[in-house]
Amino acid sequence: MGYTIAYLEKDGTGYADNYPWVIMPPFETLSACQRDADSMIKAGYQCVTVFRASSSLDTLLEEGIVAWDYVKRNQVRCAGARSDVCRSHRRLVS
């Protein structure tokens, strides 16, 4: 298991409705993942969210079912993080 990032493009689009883009392969450490997440936020990507990548993540990605609710259930709240699950997507993950 590692950590990875779900996000929307700078224009707010994801893979599909309720489905973010996901960085693969997962990072081995939380600090490396958070560093990239912070860079993405600074670059203007939206809804940048760090989450735990379970062993089933590859299968879920192949099936196209990594939705915001999955990200929320596995979200890691990082110290000093500037982003949480996107406010505009709270209705999708609450």
PDB file of N, CA and C in Angstrom:
ATOM      1  N   MET A   1       0.843  -1.178   0.000  1.00  0.00           N
ATOM      2  CA  MET A   1       0.000   0.000   0.000  1.00  0.00           C
ATOM      3  C   MET A   1       0.884   1.235   0.000  1.00  0.00           C
ATOM      4  N   GLY A   2       0.409   2.285  -0.665  1.00  0.00           N
ATOM      5  CA  GLY A   2       1.104   3.552  -0.707  1.00  0.00           C
ATOM      6  C   GLY A   2       0.094   4.679  -0.629  1.00  0.00           C
ATOM      7  N   TYR A   3       0.481   5.818  -1.161  1.00  0.00           N
ATOM      8  CA  TYR A   3      -0.381   6.992  -1.164  1.00  0.00           C
ATOM      9  C   TYR A   3      -0.428   7.546  -2.574  1.00  0.00           C
ATOM     10  N   THR A   4      -1.545   8.121  -2.936  1.00  0.00           N
ATOM     11  CA  THR A   4      -1.652   8.714  -4.255  1.00  0.00           C
ATOM     12  C   THR A   4      -2.551   9.944  -4.219  1.00  0.00           C
ATOM     13  N   ILE A   5      -2.760  10.528  -5.376  1.00  0.00           N
ATOM     14  CA  ILE A   5      -3.454  11.816  -5.481  1.00  0.00           C
ATOM     15  C   ILE A   5      -4.613  11.706  -6.459  1.00  0.00           C
ATOM     16  N   ALA A   6      -5.761  12.183  -6.015  1.00  0.00           N
ATOM     17  CA  ALA A   6      -6.907  12.367  -6.910  1.00  0.00           C
ATOM     18  C   ALA A   6      -7.000  13.857  -7.190  1.00  0.00           C
ATOM     19  N   TYR A   7      -7.386  14.222  -8.410  1.00  0.00           N
ATOM     20  CA  TYR A   7      -7.435  15.641  -8.751  1.00  0.00           C
ATOM     21  C   TYR A   7      -8.323  15.884  -9.958  1.00  0.00           C
ATOM     22  N   LEU A   8      -8.633  17.145 -10.161  1.00  0.00           N
ATOM     23  CA  LEU A   8      -9.295  17.602 -11.381  1.00  0.00           C
ATOM     24  C   LEU A   8      -8.311  18.475 -12.140  1.00  0.00           C
ATOM     25  N   GLU A   9      -8.489  18.543 -13.450  1.00  0.00           N
ATOM     26  CA  GLU A   9      -7.658  19.413 -14.274  1.00  0.00           C
ATOM     27  C   GLU A   9      -7.843  20.871 -13.843  1.00  0.00           C
ATOM     28  N   LYS A  10      -7.020  21.745 -14.372  1.00  0.00           N
ATOM     29  CA  LYS A  10      -7.099  23.162 -14.038  1.00  0.00           C
ATOM     30  C   LYS A  10      -8.447  23.765 -14.406  1.00  0.00           C
ATOM     31  N   ASP A  11      -9.096  23.207 -15.411  1.00  0.00           N
ATOM     32  CA  ASP A  11     -10.414  23.710 -15.818  1.00  0.00           C
ATOM     33  C   ASP A  11     -11.558  23.032 -15.059  1.00  0.00           C
ATOM     34  N   GLY A  12     -11.219  22.156 -14.099  1.00  0.00           N
ATOM     35  CA  GLY A  12     -12.232  21.520 -13.263  1.00  0.00           C
ATOM     36  C   GLY A  12     -12.779  20.204 -13.793  1.00  0.00           C
ATOM     37  N   THR A  13     -12.216  19.690 -14.866  1.00  0.00           N
ATOM     38  CA  THR A  13     -12.701  18.426 -15.408  1.00  0.00           C
ATOM     39  C   THR A  13     -11.938  17.243 -14.813  1.00  0.00           C
ATOM     40  N   GLY A  14     -12.651  16.136 -14.659  1.00  0.00           N
ATOM     41  CA  GLY A  14     -12.037  14.900 -14.187  1.00  0.00           C
ATOM     42  C   GLY A  14     -12.084  13.862 -15.284  1.00  0.00           C
ATOM     43  N   TYR A  15     -11.890  12.616 -14.889  1.00  0.00           N
ATOM     44  CA  TYR A  15     -11.952  11.514 -15.842  1.00  0.00           C
ATOM     45  C   TYR A  15     -13.361  11.416 -16.422  1.00  0.00           C
ATOM     46  N   ALA A  16     -14.349  11.599 -15.547  1.00  0.00           N
ATOM     47  CA  ALA A  16     -15.767  11.612 -15.928  1.00  0.00           C
ATOM     48  C   ALA A  16     -16.523  12.246 -14.766  1.00  0.00           C
ATOM     49  N   ASP A  17     -17.809  12.411 -14.898  1.00  0.00           N
ATOM     50  CA  ASP A  17     -18.604  12.945 -13.791  1.00  0.00           C
ATOM     51  C   ASP A  17     -18.390  12.090 -12.548  1.00  0.00           C
ATOM     52  N   ASN A  18     -18.076  12.760 -11.447  1.00  0.00           N
ATOM     53  CA  ASN A  18     -17.861  12.114 -10.154  1.00  0.00           C
ATOM     54  C   ASN A  18     -16.619  11.226 -10.113  1.00  0.00           C
ATOM     55  N   TYR A  19     -15.762  11.293 -11.131  1.00  0.00           N
ATOM     56  CA  TYR A  19     -14.548  10.488 -11.163  1.00  0.00           C
ATOM     57  C   TYR A  19     -13.345  11.392 -11.387  1.00  0.00           C
ATOM     58  N   PRO A  20     -12.444  11.458 -10.407  1.00  0.00           N
ATOM     59  CA  PRO A  20     -11.257  12.291 -10.575  1.00  0.00           C
ATOM     60  C   PRO A  20     -10.188  11.575 -11.404  1.00  0.00           C
ATOM     61  N   TRP A  21      -9.183  12.332 -11.806  1.00  0.00           N
ATOM     62  CA  TRP A  21      -7.964  11.720 -12.318  1.00  0.00           C
ATOM     63  C   TRP A  21      -7.210  11.190 -11.117  1.00  0.00           C
ATOM     64  N   VAL A  22      -6.429  10.126 -11.290  1.00  0.00           N
ATOM     65  CA  VAL A  22      -5.650   9.535 -10.196  1.00  0.00           C
ATOM     66  C   VAL A  22      -4.220   9.326 -10.675  1.00  0.00           C
ATOM     67  N   ILE A  23      -3.255   9.750  -9.863  1.00  0.00           N
ATOM     68  CA  ILE A  23      -1.836   9.560 -10.178  1.00  0.00           C
ATOM     69  C   ILE A  23      -1.453   8.111  -9.889  1.00  0.00           C
ATOM     70  N   MET A  24      -0.847   7.457 -10.858  1.00  0.00           N
ATOM     71  CA  MET A  24      -0.360   6.080 -10.687  1.00  0.00           C
ATOM     72  C   MET A  24       1.050   5.998 -11.245  1.00  0.00           C
ATOM     73  N   PRO A  25       1.941   5.182 -10.724  1.00  0.00           N
ATOM     74  CA  PRO A  25       1.719   4.312  -9.576  1.00  0.00           C
ATOM     75  C   PRO A  25       1.749   5.115  -8.281  1.00  0.00           C
ATOM     76  N   PRO A  26       1.290   4.513  -7.178  1.00  0.00           N
ATOM     77  CA  PRO A  26       1.279   5.218  -5.897  1.00  0.00           C
ATOM     78  C   PRO A  26       2.690   5.569  -5.417  1.00  0.00           C
ATOM     79  N   PHE A  27       2.761   6.582  -4.586  1.00  0.00           N
ATOM     80  CA  PHE A  27       4.014   6.975  -3.942  1.00  0.00           C
ATOM     81  C   PHE A  27       4.268   6.027  -2.775  1.00  0.00           C
ATOM     82  N   GLU A  28       5.541   5.799  -2.467  1.00  0.00           N
ATOM     83  CA  GLU A  28       5.873   4.922  -1.344  1.00  0.00           C
ATOM     84  C   GLU A  28       5.714   5.629  -0.004  1.00  0.00           C
ATOM     85  N   THR A  29       5.927   6.949   0.009  1.00  0.00           N
ATOM     86  CA  THR A  29       5.848   7.677   1.276  1.00  0.00           C
ATOM     87  C   THR A  29       4.815   8.792   1.191  1.00  0.00           C
ATOM     88  N   LEU A  30       4.241   9.091   2.336  1.00  0.00           N
ATOM     89  CA  LEU A  30       3.268  10.168   2.419  1.00  0.00           C
ATOM     90  C   LEU A  30       3.919  11.508   2.119  1.00  0.00           C
ATOM     91  N   SER A  31       5.145  11.713   2.584  1.00  0.00           N
ATOM     92  CA  SER A  31       5.808  12.999   2.363  1.00  0.00           C
ATOM     93  C   SER A  31       6.053  13.262   0.879  1.00  0.00           C
ATOM     94  N   ALA A  32       6.433  12.248   0.130  1.00  0.00           N
ATOM     95  CA  ALA A  32       6.645  12.420  -1.317  1.00  0.00           C
ATOM     96  C   ALA A  32       5.330  12.736  -2.008  1.00  0.00           C
ATOM     97  N   CYS A  33       4.274  12.063  -1.593  1.00  0.00           N
ATOM     98  CA  CYS A  33       2.957  12.292  -2.176  1.00  0.00           C
ATOM     99  C   CYS A  33       2.481  13.712  -1.877  1.00  0.00           C
ATOM    100  N   GLN A  34       2.636  14.140  -0.623  1.00  0.00           N
ATOM    101  CA  GLN A  34       2.203  15.474  -0.235  1.00  0.00           C
ATOM    102  C   GLN A  34       2.991  16.556  -0.970  1.00  0.00           C
ATOM    103  N   ARG A  35       4.279  16.324  -1.188  1.00  0.00           N
ATOM    104  CA  ARG A  35       5.116  17.276  -1.923  1.00  0.00           C
ATOM    105  C   ARG A  35       4.563  17.484  -3.337  1.00  0.00           C
ATOM    106  N   ASP A  36       4.220  16.382  -4.013  1.00  0.00           N
ATOM    107  CA  ASP A  36       3.653  16.493  -5.356  1.00  0.00           C
ATOM    108  C   ASP A  36       2.267  17.132  -5.328  1.00  0.00           C
ATOM    109  N   ALA A  37       1.475  16.805  -4.310  1.00  0.00           N
ATOM    110  CA  ALA A  37       0.142  17.404  -4.179  1.00  0.00           C
ATOM    111  C   ALA A  37       0.259  18.919  -4.009  1.00  0.00           C
ATOM    112  N   ASP A  38       1.180  19.360  -3.176  1.00  0.00           N
ATOM    113  CA  ASP A  38       1.383  20.800  -2.980  1.00  0.00           C
ATOM    114  C   ASP A  38       1.796  21.474  -4.283  1.00  0.00           C
ATOM    115  N   SER A  39       2.663  20.820  -5.057  1.00  0.00           N
ATOM    116  CA  SER A  39       3.087  21.367  -6.359  1.00  0.00           C
ATOM    117  C   SER A  39       1.908  21.472  -7.316  1.00  0.00           C
ATOM    118  N   MET A  40       1.033  20.473  -7.292  1.00  0.00           N
ATOM    119  CA  MET A  40      -0.143  20.491  -8.170  1.00  0.00           C
ATOM    120  C   MET A  40      -1.089  21.627  -7.786  1.00  0.00           C
ATOM    121  N   ILE A  41      -1.269  21.832  -6.488  1.00  0.00           N
ATOM    122  CA  ILE A  41      -2.122  22.930  -6.023  1.00  0.00           C
ATOM    123  C   ILE A  41      -1.560  24.266  -6.501  1.00  0.00           C
ATOM    124  N   LYS A  42      -0.254  24.449  -6.331  1.00  0.00           N
ATOM    125  CA  LYS A  42       0.401  25.692  -6.768  1.00  0.00           C
ATOM    126  C   LYS A  42       0.279  25.883  -8.271  1.00  0.00           C
ATOM    127  N   ALA A  43       0.265  24.780  -9.015  1.00  0.00           N
ATOM    128  CA  ALA A  43       0.164  24.849 -10.480  1.00  0.00           C
ATOM    129  C   ALA A  43      -1.272  25.098 -10.955  1.00  0.00           C
ATOM    130  N   GLY A  44      -2.239  25.035 -10.029  1.00  0.00           N
ATOM    131  CA  GLY A  44      -3.613  25.359 -10.393  1.00  0.00           C
ATOM    132  C   GLY A  44      -4.564  24.194 -10.579  1.00  0.00           C
ATOM    133  N   TYR A  45      -4.101  22.960 -10.294  1.00  0.00           N
ATOM    134  CA  TYR A  45      -5.022  21.829 -10.378  1.00  0.00           C
ATOM    135  C   TYR A  45      -6.057  21.950  -9.267  1.00  0.00           C
ATOM    136  N   GLN A  46      -7.238  21.418  -9.492  1.00  0.00           N
ATOM    137  CA  GLN A  46      -8.336  21.570  -8.551  1.00  0.00           C
ATOM    138  C   GLN A  46      -8.602  20.281  -7.776  1.00  0.00           C
ATOM    139  N   CYS A  47      -9.158  20.447  -6.591  1.00  0.00           N
ATOM    140  CA  CYS A  47      -9.591  19.313  -5.764  1.00  0.00           C
ATOM    141  C   CYS A  47      -8.483  18.291  -5.536  1.00  0.00           C
ATOM    142  N   VAL A  48      -7.273  18.761  -5.342  1.00  0.00           N
ATOM    143  CA  VAL A  48      -6.130  17.873  -5.136  1.00  0.00           C
ATOM    144  C   VAL A  48      -6.278  17.218  -3.762  1.00  0.00           C
ATOM    145  N   THR A  49      -6.363  15.893  -3.746  1.00  0.00           N
ATOM    146  CA  THR A  49      -6.642  15.154  -2.517  1.00  0.00           C
ATOM    147  C   THR A  49      -5.714  13.948  -2.406  1.00  0.00           C
ATOM    148  N   VAL A  50      -4.993  13.847  -1.295  1.00  0.00           N
ATOM    149  CA  VAL A  50      -4.119  12.705  -1.021  1.00  0.00           C
ATOM    150  C   VAL A  50      -4.957  11.610  -0.373  1.00  0.00           C
ATOM    151  N   PHE A  51      -4.776  10.372  -0.843  1.00  0.00           N
ATOM    152  CA  PHE A  51      -5.495   9.258  -0.229  1.00  0.00           C
ATOM    153  C   PHE A  51      -4.655   7.982  -0.240  1.00  0.00           C
ATOM    154  N   ARG A  52      -5.026   7.059   0.640  1.00  0.00           N
ATOM    155  CA  ARG A  52      -4.335   5.767   0.717  1.00  0.00           C
ATOM    156  C   ARG A  52      -4.701   4.919  -0.486  1.00  0.00           C
ATOM    157  N   ALA A  53      -3.686   4.339  -1.082  1.00  0.00           N
ATOM    158  CA  ALA A  53      -3.906   3.447  -2.228  1.00  0.00           C
ATOM    159  C   ALA A  53      -3.919   2.016  -1.710  1.00  0.00           C
ATOM    160  N   SER A  54      -5.074   1.420  -1.665  1.00  0.00           N
ATOM    161  CA  SER A  54      -5.189   0.038  -1.192  1.00  0.00           C
ATOM    162  C   SER A  54      -4.704  -0.922  -2.273  1.00  0.00           C
ATOM    163  N   SER A  55      -4.548  -2.156  -1.902  1.00  0.00           N
ATOM    164  CA  SER A  55      -4.096  -3.169  -2.863  1.00  0.00           C
ATOM    165  C   SER A  55      -5.100  -3.359  -4.000  1.00  0.00           C
ATOM    166  N   SER A  56      -6.336  -2.966  -3.775  1.00  0.00           N
ATOM    167  CA  SER A  56      -7.362  -3.137  -4.810  1.00  0.00           C
ATOM    168  C   SER A  56      -7.448  -1.945  -5.772  1.00  0.00           C
ATOM    169  N   LEU A  57      -6.623  -0.921  -5.574  1.00  0.00           N
ATOM    170  CA  LEU A  57      -6.728   0.282  -6.398  1.00  0.00           C
ATOM    171  C   LEU A  57      -6.531  -0.009  -7.885  1.00  0.00           C
ATOM    172  N   ASP A  58      -5.552  -0.825  -8.234  1.00  0.00           N
ATOM    173  CA  ASP A  58      -5.333  -1.150  -9.656  1.00  0.00           C
ATOM    174  C   ASP A  58      -6.584  -1.744 -10.288  1.00  0.00           C
ATOM    175  N   THR A  59      -7.220  -2.663  -9.587  1.00  0.00           N
ATOM    176  CA  THR A  59      -8.439  -3.295 -10.096  1.00  0.00           C
ATOM    177  C   THR A  59      -9.548  -2.266 -10.246  1.00  0.00           C
ATOM    178  N   LEU A  60      -9.692  -1.412  -9.234  1.00  0.00           N
ATOM    179  CA  LEU A  60     -10.726  -0.379  -9.294  1.00  0.00           C
ATOM    180  C   LEU A  60     -10.495   0.566 -10.470  1.00  0.00           C
ATOM    181  N   LEU A  61      -9.241   0.944 -10.713  1.00  0.00           N
ATOM    182  CA  LEU A  61      -8.934   1.830 -11.839  1.00  0.00           C
ATOM    183  C   LEU A  61      -9.253   1.157 -13.169  1.00  0.00           C
ATOM    184  N   GLU A  62      -8.926  -0.114 -13.283  1.00  0.00           N
ATOM    185  CA  GLU A  62      -9.240  -0.847 -14.514  1.00  0.00           C
ATOM    186  C   GLU A  62     -10.744  -0.878 -14.769  1.00  0.00           C
ATOM    187  N   GLU A  63     -11.508  -0.964 -13.690  1.00  0.00           N
ATOM    188  CA  GLU A  63     -12.963  -0.995 -13.810  1.00  0.00           C
ATOM    189  C   GLU A  63     -13.557   0.410 -13.887  1.00  0.00           C
ATOM    190  N   GLY A  64     -12.707   1.423 -13.698  1.00  0.00           N
ATOM    191  CA  GLY A  64     -13.162   2.805 -13.795  1.00  0.00           C
ATOM    192  C   GLY A  64     -14.082   3.232 -12.674  1.00  0.00           C
ATOM    193  N   ILE A  65     -13.847   2.710 -11.460  1.00  0.00           N
ATOM    194  CA  ILE A  65     -14.776   3.023 -10.381  1.00  0.00           C
ATOM    195  C   ILE A  65     -14.137   3.744  -9.193  1.00  0.00           C
ATOM    196  N   VAL A  66     -13.063   4.474  -9.420  1.00  0.00           N
ATOM    197  CA  VAL A  66     -12.493   5.271  -8.339  1.00  0.00           C
ATOM    198  C   VAL A  66     -13.203   6.624  -8.356  1.00  0.00           C
ATOM    199  N   ALA A  67     -14.297   6.674  -7.627  1.00  0.00           N
ATOM    200  CA  ALA A  67     -15.111   7.887  -7.547  1.00  0.00           C
ATOM    201  C   ALA A  67     -14.697   8.695  -6.320  1.00  0.00           C
ATOM    202  N   TRP A  68     -15.220   9.905  -6.224  1.00  0.00           N
ATOM    203  CA  TRP A  68     -14.882  10.777  -5.097  1.00  0.00           C
ATOM    204  C   TRP A  68     -15.247  10.132  -3.761  1.00  0.00           C
ATOM    205  N   ASP A  69     -16.282   9.321  -3.691  1.00  0.00           N
ATOM    206  CA  ASP A  69     -16.624   8.701  -2.407  1.00  0.00           C
ATOM    207  C   ASP A  69     -15.536   7.728  -1.958  1.00  0.00           C
ATOM    208  N   TYR A  70     -14.909   7.022  -2.892  1.00  0.00           N
ATOM    209  CA  TYR A  70     -13.780   6.138  -2.564  1.00  0.00           C
ATOM    210  C   TYR A  70     -12.610   6.967  -2.046  1.00  0.00           C
ATOM    211  N   VAL A  71     -12.320   8.075  -2.734  1.00  0.00           N
ATOM    212  CA  VAL A  71     -11.225   8.963  -2.326  1.00  0.00           C
ATOM    213  C   VAL A  71     -11.483   9.478  -0.907  1.00  0.00           C
ATOM    214  N   LYS A  72     -12.697   9.922  -0.646  1.00  0.00           N
ATOM    215  CA  LYS A  72     -13.048  10.458   0.677  1.00  0.00           C
ATOM    216  C   LYS A  72     -12.864   9.400   1.770  1.00  0.00           C
ATOM    217  N   ARG A  73     -13.299   8.177   1.518  1.00  0.00           N
ATOM    218  CA  ARG A  73     -13.159   7.111   2.523  1.00  0.00           C
ATOM    219  C   ARG A  73     -11.701   6.803   2.847  1.00  0.00           C
ATOM    220  N   ASN A  74     -10.817   7.035   1.883  1.00  0.00           N
ATOM    221  CA  ASN A  74      -9.398   6.705   2.049  1.00  0.00           C
ATOM    222  C   ASN A  74      -8.506   7.936   2.166  1.00  0.00           C
ATOM    223  N   GLN A  75      -9.114   9.089   2.314  1.00  0.00           N
ATOM    224  CA  GLN A  75      -8.374  10.347   2.362  1.00  0.00           C
ATOM    225  C   GLN A  75      -7.433  10.400   3.558  1.00  0.00           C
ATOM    226  N   VAL A  76      -6.260  11.003   3.334  1.00  0.00           N
ATOM    227  CA  VAL A  76      -5.284  11.242   4.386  1.00  0.00           C
ATOM    228  C   VAL A  76      -5.225  12.743   4.603  1.00  0.00           C
ATOM    229  N   ARG A  77      -5.455  13.156   5.817  1.00  0.00           N
ATOM    230  CA  ARG A  77      -5.348  14.579   6.142  1.00  0.00           C
ATOM    231  C   ARG A  77      -3.907  14.840   6.545  1.00  0.00           C
ATOM    232  N   CYS A  78      -3.218  15.616   5.732  1.00  0.00           N
ATOM    233  CA  CYS A  78      -1.798  15.866   5.928  1.00  0.00           C
ATOM    234  C   CYS A  78      -1.584  17.166   6.703  1.00  0.00           C
ATOM    235  N   ALA A  79      -0.610  17.148   7.585  1.00  0.00           N
ATOM    236  CA  ALA A  79      -0.265  18.352   8.329  1.00  0.00           C
ATOM    237  C   ALA A  79       0.152  19.446   7.354  1.00  0.00           C
ATOM    238  N   GLY A  80      -0.417  20.605   7.509  1.00  0.00           N
ATOM    239  CA  GLY A  80      -0.059  21.730   6.656  1.00  0.00           C
ATOM    240  C   GLY A  80      -0.662  21.680   5.272  1.00  0.00           C
ATOM    241  N   ALA A  81      -1.510  20.716   5.008  1.00  0.00           N
ATOM    242  CA  ALA A  81      -2.104  20.590   3.671  1.00  0.00           C
ATOM    243  C   ALA A  81      -2.960  21.810   3.372  1.00  0.00           C
ATOM    244  N   ARG A  82      -2.901  22.262   2.144  1.00  0.00           N
ATOM    245  CA  ARG A  82      -3.672  23.418   1.726  1.00  0.00           C
ATOM    246  C   ARG A  82      -4.961  23.008   1.040  1.00  0.00           C
ATOM    247  N   SER A  83      -5.207  21.732   0.944  1.00  0.00           N
ATOM    248  CA  SER A  83      -6.382  21.278   0.213  1.00  0.00           C
ATOM    249  C   SER A  83      -7.076  20.155   0.963  1.00  0.00           C
ATOM    250  N   ASP A  84      -8.360  20.106   0.814  1.00  0.00           N
ATOM    251  CA  ASP A  84      -9.177  19.032   1.351  1.00  0.00           C
ATOM    252  C   ASP A  84     -10.001  18.558   0.157  1.00  0.00           C
ATOM    253  N   VAL A  85     -10.897  17.626   0.374  1.00  0.00           N
ATOM    254  CA  VAL A  85     -11.778  17.259  -0.732  1.00  0.00           C
ATOM    255  C   VAL A  85     -12.451  18.532  -1.220  1.00  0.00           C
ATOM    256  N   CYS A  86     -12.458  18.720  -2.483  1.00  0.00           N
ATOM    257  CA  CYS A  86     -12.934  19.963  -3.099  1.00  0.00           C
ATOM    258  C   CYS A  86     -14.313  20.375  -2.589  1.00  0.00           C
ATOM    259  N   ARG A  87     -14.418  21.622  -2.192  1.00  0.00           N
ATOM    260  CA  ARG A  87     -15.687  22.130  -1.693  1.00  0.00           C
ATOM    261  C   ARG A  87     -16.807  21.947  -2.718  1.00  0.00           C
ATOM    262  N   SER A  88     -16.501  22.113  -3.978  1.00  0.00           N
ATOM    263  CA  SER A  88     -17.537  21.978  -4.990  1.00  0.00           C
ATOM    264  C   SER A  88     -17.981  20.525  -5.175  1.00  0.00           C
ATOM    265  N   HIS A  89     -17.220  19.586  -4.620  1.00  0.00           N
ATOM    266  CA  HIS A  89     -17.569  18.179  -4.738  1.00  0.00           C
ATOM    267  C   HIS A  89     -18.087  17.596  -3.434  1.00  0.00           C
ATOM    268  N   ARG A  90     -18.287  18.416  -2.419  1.00  0.00           N
ATOM    269  CA  ARG A  90     -18.791  17.897  -1.144  1.00  0.00           C
ATOM    270  C   ARG A  90     -20.105  17.154  -1.336  1.00  0.00           C
ATOM    271  N   ARG A  91     -20.956  17.641  -2.220  1.00  0.00           N
ATOM    272  CA  ARG A  91     -22.225  16.962  -2.446  1.00  0.00           C
ATOM    273  C   ARG A  91     -22.009  15.570  -3.029  1.00  0.00           C
ATOM    274  N   LEU A  92     -20.863  15.368  -3.692  1.00  0.00           N
ATOM    275  CA  LEU A  92     -20.580  14.069  -4.298  1.00  0.00           C
ATOM    276  C   LEU A  92     -20.001  13.085  -3.284  1.00  0.00           C
ATOM    277  N   VAL A  93     -19.408  13.616  -2.214  1.00  0.00           N
ATOM    278  CA  VAL A  93     -18.704  12.739  -1.293  1.00  0.00           C
ATOM    279  C   VAL A  93     -19.305  12.710   0.099  1.00  0.00           C
ATOM    280  N   SER A  94     -20.350  13.476   0.345  1.00  0.00           N
ATOM    281  CA  SER A  94     -20.917  13.495   1.694  1.00  0.00           C
ATOM    282  C   SER A  94     -21.919  12.378   1.902  1.00  0.00           C
TER     283      SER A  94
END
